[in-house]
Amino acid sequence: MSSVHPVTDPNSWGPGIDEAVNAVSRGGLVVLPTDTVYGIGADAFDADAVAALLGAKGRGRQMPPPVLVPDARTLDGLATEVPDDARRLVEELWPGGFTIILKAQPSLAWDLGETHGTVALRMPDHEAALALLRRTGPLAVSSANRTGSPAALDVDDARAQLGESVAVYLDGGVAPGGVASTIVDATSGTLRVVRAGAVPLERLREIAPVDGPEDASAATPDPARDEAGDETTESAPEANGG
């Protein structure tokens, strides 16, 4: 049976984080607050757990979840051939509304779906989410909703949509919602905005040369990407989720 734990106060959220860590270690799913919307998460290195996450949302392997990380230092363990310019973007914009698509380390024993050898990484700007990630390590996280429905902005909505498919719900109050993260693809030698979002193109270009539309609203969404903690729509990248 699912359990719900408040995580609004760092002085008292220990038991809830413990329960979520235990659930992840057993291959279970957890719902967590992020700096955008609520996310549903699973151990990124447990293929069965990731499959259960996709099943809970009612989506297929063609829309793989991104991976949330607790620290920029995780980057080199999960990705390879990281361009210097991509690294500068990460250093300046994490934690926050910025997702980077990189070539995944080929030696990693994980299966996130049809990623074509890439991984979308983000460090959320939310203390409860980071407290969990520091204990679990990288989590595959998608927005906490059934495919085709709006992402949950509170834990009650997440429970109404996902029910007993989730072992532990972490209640961080009402999520801020707002603009999804900006997604930059760094896998082709040229940094390219594939979804406009929280970080405007002008800010990106203050840090590194990035190709993208001058009109941010014209960025092309990548339907094969989902974002942990960010709700856009199911036809656009959600890289988020959580």
Protein backbone atom coordinates (compact mmCIF):
# COMPACT_ATOMS: atom_id res chain seq x y z
CA MET A 1 0.00 0.00 0.00
CA SER A 2 1.30 3.46 -0.87
CA SER A 3 2.47 5.80 1.87
CA VAL A 4 2.60 9.62 1.95
CA HIS A 5 5.27 11.59 3.81
CA PRO A 6 5.62 15.37 4.23
CA VAL A 7 8.95 16.83 3.07
CA THR A 8 8.41 20.56 3.52
CA ASP A 9 10.69 20.85 6.57
CA PRO A 10 14.31 19.60 6.40
CA ASN A 11 14.25 19.14 10.17
CA SER A 12 11.50 16.52 9.95
CA TRP A 13 11.66 15.01 6.47
CA GLY A 14 14.19 12.30 7.42
CA PRO A 15 11.66 9.43 7.84
CA GLY A 16 9.99 10.26 4.53
CA ILE A 17 13.28 10.40 2.64
CA ASP A 18 14.33 7.13 4.31
CA GLU A 19 11.13 5.44 3.16
CA ALA A 20 11.59 6.72 -0.39
CA VAL A 21 15.21 5.53 -0.48
CA ASN A 22 14.10 2.09 0.70
CA ALA A 23 11.41 1.95 -1.97
CA VAL A 24 13.86 2.87 -4.73
CA SER A 25 16.33 0.25 -3.51
CA ARG A 26 13.58 -2.38 -3.80
CA GLY A 27 12.76 -1.37 -7.36
CA GLY A 28 9.70 0.66 -6.40
CA LEU A 29 8.45 3.98 -7.71
CA VAL A 30 8.38 7.24 -5.78
CA VAL A 31 6.69 10.57 -6.40
CA LEU A 32 8.74 13.62 -5.49
CA PRO A 33 8.36 17.40 -5.68
CA THR A 34 10.68 19.37 -7.97
CA ASP A 35 11.22 23.00 -8.88
CA THR A 36 8.55 22.73 -11.60
CA VAL A 37 5.96 19.97 -11.08
CA TYR A 38 5.81 16.64 -9.26
CA GLY A 39 7.83 13.80 -10.76
CA ILE A 40 7.59 10.02 -10.66
CA GLY A 41 10.99 8.44 -10.19
CA ALA A 42 12.76 5.09 -10.35
CA ASP A 43 16.30 3.78 -10.03
CA ALA A 44 17.86 4.69 -13.37
CA PHE A 45 19.94 1.49 -13.28
CA ASP A 46 16.98 -0.87 -12.66
CA ALA A 47 15.46 -1.70 -16.05
CA ASP A 48 12.38 -3.27 -14.48
CA ALA A 49 11.78 -0.18 -12.34
CA VAL A 50 12.11 2.11 -15.37
CA ALA A 51 9.68 -0.11 -17.28
CA ALA A 52 7.28 0.12 -14.33
CA LEU A 53 7.59 3.92 -14.42
CA LEU A 54 6.69 4.01 -18.10
CA GLY A 55 3.84 1.59 -17.45
CA ALA A 56 2.46 3.68 -14.60
CA LYS A 57 2.31 6.66 -16.95
CA GLY A 58 0.87 4.62 -19.80
CA ARG A 59 3.67 5.37 -22.23
CA GLY A 60 6.13 3.36 -24.28
CA ARG A 61 9.88 2.99 -24.60
CA GLN A 62 9.95 5.49 -27.48
CA MET A 63 9.63 8.31 -24.92
CA PRO A 64 12.48 7.61 -22.46
CA PRO A 65 12.63 9.54 -19.20
CA PRO A 66 15.53 11.84 -18.46
CA VAL A 67 17.75 11.37 -15.44
CA LEU A 68 17.87 13.69 -12.46
CA VAL A 69 21.21 13.98 -10.69
CA PRO A 70 22.24 15.44 -7.32
CA ASP A 71 25.44 17.14 -8.41
CA ALA A 72 27.28 18.33 -11.51
CA ARG A 73 30.11 15.95 -10.62
CA THR A 74 27.82 13.09 -11.67
CA LEU A 75 28.10 14.23 -15.28
CA ASP A 76 31.24 12.33 -16.22
CA GLY A 77 29.99 9.11 -14.67
CA LEU A 78 26.89 9.11 -16.86
CA ALA A 79 28.02 10.84 -20.06
CA THR A 80 31.00 10.70 -22.38
CA GLU A 81 32.58 13.14 -24.81
CA VAL A 82 31.22 16.09 -22.84
CA PRO A 83 32.10 19.27 -24.79
CA ASP A 84 33.78 22.05 -22.83
CA ASP A 85 30.97 24.43 -23.76
CA ALA A 86 28.35 21.98 -22.45
CA ARG A 87 30.29 21.67 -19.22
CA ARG A 88 30.31 25.45 -18.83
CA LEU A 89 26.53 25.56 -19.27
CA VAL A 90 26.09 22.91 -16.58
CA GLU A 91 28.42 24.71 -14.17
CA GLU A 92 26.51 27.98 -14.60
CA LEU A 93 22.92 26.74 -14.81
CA TRP A 94 22.65 23.81 -12.38
CA PRO A 95 20.67 23.44 -10.26
CA GLY A 96 17.81 24.85 -12.25
CA GLY A 97 15.72 24.76 -15.38
CA PHE A 98 18.35 23.47 -17.77
CA THR A 99 18.61 20.00 -19.32
CA ILE A 100 21.56 18.80 -21.37
CA ILE A 101 21.45 15.88 -23.82
CA LEU A 102 24.78 14.05 -24.01
CA LYS A 103 26.18 10.77 -25.26
CA ALA A 104 25.66 8.16 -22.55
CA GLN A 105 28.56 6.22 -21.12
CA PRO A 106 28.45 2.98 -23.16
CA SER A 107 29.53 0.88 -20.18
CA LEU A 108 26.51 1.78 -18.06
CA ALA A 109 24.17 -1.11 -17.24
CA TRP A 110 20.88 0.70 -17.73
CA ASP A 111 17.92 0.69 -20.08
CA LEU A 112 15.91 3.91 -20.18
CA GLY A 113 14.13 3.10 -23.44
CA GLU A 114 14.87 4.14 -27.01
CA THR A 115 17.55 6.71 -26.22
CA HIS A 116 19.78 6.02 -29.26
CA GLY A 117 22.82 6.11 -27.00
CA THR A 118 22.08 9.47 -25.40
CA VAL A 119 20.90 10.65 -22.00
CA ALA A 120 19.11 13.83 -20.90
CA LEU A 121 20.43 15.10 -17.56
CA ARG A 122 19.16 17.74 -15.15
CA MET A 123 19.85 18.83 -11.58
CA PRO A 124 16.61 20.19 -10.07
CA ASP A 125 16.57 23.28 -7.87
CA HIS A 126 14.56 21.71 -5.04
CA GLU A 127 16.04 20.80 -1.67
CA ALA A 128 13.80 17.79 -0.95
CA ALA A 129 14.44 16.35 -4.42
CA LEU A 130 18.19 16.86 -3.98
CA ALA A 131 18.10 15.28 -0.51
CA LEU A 132 16.56 12.18 -2.07
CA LEU A 133 18.95 12.13 -5.04
CA ARG A 134 21.98 12.38 -2.75
CA ARG A 135 20.84 9.14 -1.13
CA THR A 136 19.63 7.21 -4.17
CA GLY A 137 21.95 8.45 -6.87
CA PRO A 138 20.60 9.19 -10.36
CA LEU A 139 16.86 8.68 -10.83
CA ALA A 140 14.90 8.30 -14.02
CA VAL A 141 12.12 10.84 -13.47
CA SER A 142 9.10 11.83 -15.52
CA SER A 143 6.24 14.16 -14.64
CA ALA A 144 3.78 12.58 -12.20
CA ASN A 145 0.79 12.12 -14.44
CA ARG A 146 -0.86 9.67 -16.77
CA THR A 147 -0.04 10.27 -20.41
CA GLY A 148 -2.41 12.86 -21.85
CA SER A 149 -3.26 14.41 -18.48
CA PRO A 150 -1.78 17.55 -16.89
CA ALA A 151 1.22 17.05 -14.61
CA ALA A 152 0.45 17.01 -10.90
CA LEU A 153 1.11 20.20 -8.95
CA ASP A 154 0.35 18.58 -5.60
CA VAL A 155 0.62 15.12 -4.13
CA ASP A 156 -3.16 14.51 -4.06
CA ASP A 157 -3.35 14.98 -7.83
CA ALA A 158 -0.38 12.66 -8.29
CA ARG A 159 -2.06 9.99 -6.16
CA ALA A 160 -5.33 10.36 -8.04
CA GLN A 161 -3.55 9.69 -11.33
CA LEU A 162 -0.94 7.10 -10.32
CA GLY A 163 -2.51 5.37 -7.32
CA GLU A 164 -0.94 2.20 -5.97
CA SER A 165 1.60 1.96 -8.80
CA VAL A 166 3.74 4.27 -6.63
CA ALA A 167 5.18 2.98 -3.34
CA VAL A 168 6.00 6.31 -1.67
CA TYR A 169 4.65 9.81 -2.21
CA LEU A 170 6.72 12.72 -0.89
CA ASP A 171 4.49 15.70 -0.16
CA GLY A 172 6.32 18.99 -0.66
CA GLY A 173 3.20 21.14 -0.86
CA VAL A 174 2.05 22.86 -4.03
CA ALA A 175 4.67 22.79 -6.79
CA PRO A 176 5.40 26.07 -8.59
CA GLY A 177 4.64 24.77 -12.08
CA GLY A 178 5.70 27.39 -14.59
CA VAL A 179 8.05 27.12 -17.52
CA ALA A 180 9.69 23.81 -18.39
CA SER A 181 13.45 23.55 -18.55
CA THR A 182 15.41 24.58 -21.60
CA ILE A 183 16.86 21.54 -23.37
CA VAL A 184 20.17 21.73 -25.24
CA ASP A 185 21.49 18.88 -27.39
CA ALA A 186 25.27 18.55 -27.11
CA THR A 187 25.69 15.28 -29.01
CA SER A 188 26.51 16.57 -32.49
CA GLY A 189 29.48 18.87 -32.02
CA THR A 190 27.29 21.98 -32.05
CA LEU A 191 25.19 22.97 -29.07
CA ARG A 192 21.58 23.31 -30.18
CA VAL A 193 18.41 24.30 -28.35
CA VAL A 194 15.79 21.59 -28.92
CA ARG A 195 13.28 23.06 -26.53
CA ALA A 196 13.00 26.64 -25.34
CA GLY A 197 12.19 27.02 -21.67
CA ALA A 198 13.22 28.53 -18.38
CA VAL A 199 16.68 29.64 -19.54
CA PRO A 200 16.45 32.07 -22.48
CA LEU A 201 18.72 31.78 -25.48
CA GLU A 202 20.38 35.08 -24.60
CA ARG A 203 21.47 33.68 -21.24
CA LEU A 204 22.83 30.52 -22.86
CA ARG A 205 24.89 32.59 -25.28
CA GLU A 206 26.41 34.56 -22.42
CA ILE A 207 28.03 31.29 -21.39
CA ALA A 208 28.70 29.39 -24.63
CA PRO A 209 27.91 29.47 -28.37
CA VAL A 210 24.50 27.84 -28.78
CA ASP A 211 22.43 27.49 -31.94
CA GLY A 212 18.77 28.24 -31.56
CA PRO A 213 15.87 30.35 -32.76
CA GLU A 214 16.06 34.01 -31.88
CA ASP A 215 12.38 33.71 -31.02
CA ALA A 216 12.46 31.23 -28.12
CA SER A 217 8.89 30.11 -28.79
CA ALA A 218 10.00 28.68 -32.13
CA ALA A 219 12.28 26.00 -30.65
CA THR A 220 11.47 22.56 -31.99
CA PRO A 221 10.30 20.05 -29.39
CA ASP A 222 11.72 16.56 -29.49
CA PRO A 223 8.84 14.09 -28.98
CA ALA A 224 11.24 11.35 -27.92
CA ARG A 225 12.28 13.27 -24.82
CA ASP A 226 10.48 13.51 -21.54
CA GLU A 227 11.59 15.73 -18.73
CA ALA A 228 11.65 15.02 -15.05
CA GLY A 229 9.67 17.50 -13.14
CA ASP A 230 8.77 19.74 -16.05
CA GLU A 231 5.30 19.65 -17.48
CA THR A 232 4.82 20.72 -21.01
CA THR A 233 2.57 18.32 -22.86
CA GLU A 234 2.97 14.70 -23.71
CA SER A 235 3.92 15.67 -27.26
CA ALA A 236 6.84 17.80 -26.15
CA PRO A 237 9.97 17.03 -24.15
CA GLU A 238 9.33 16.90 -20.46
CA ALA A 239 12.92 16.43 -19.33
CA ASN A 240 11.96 16.75 -15.36
CA GLY A 241 9.87 15.48 -14.16
CA GLY A 242 10.48 15.39 -11.98
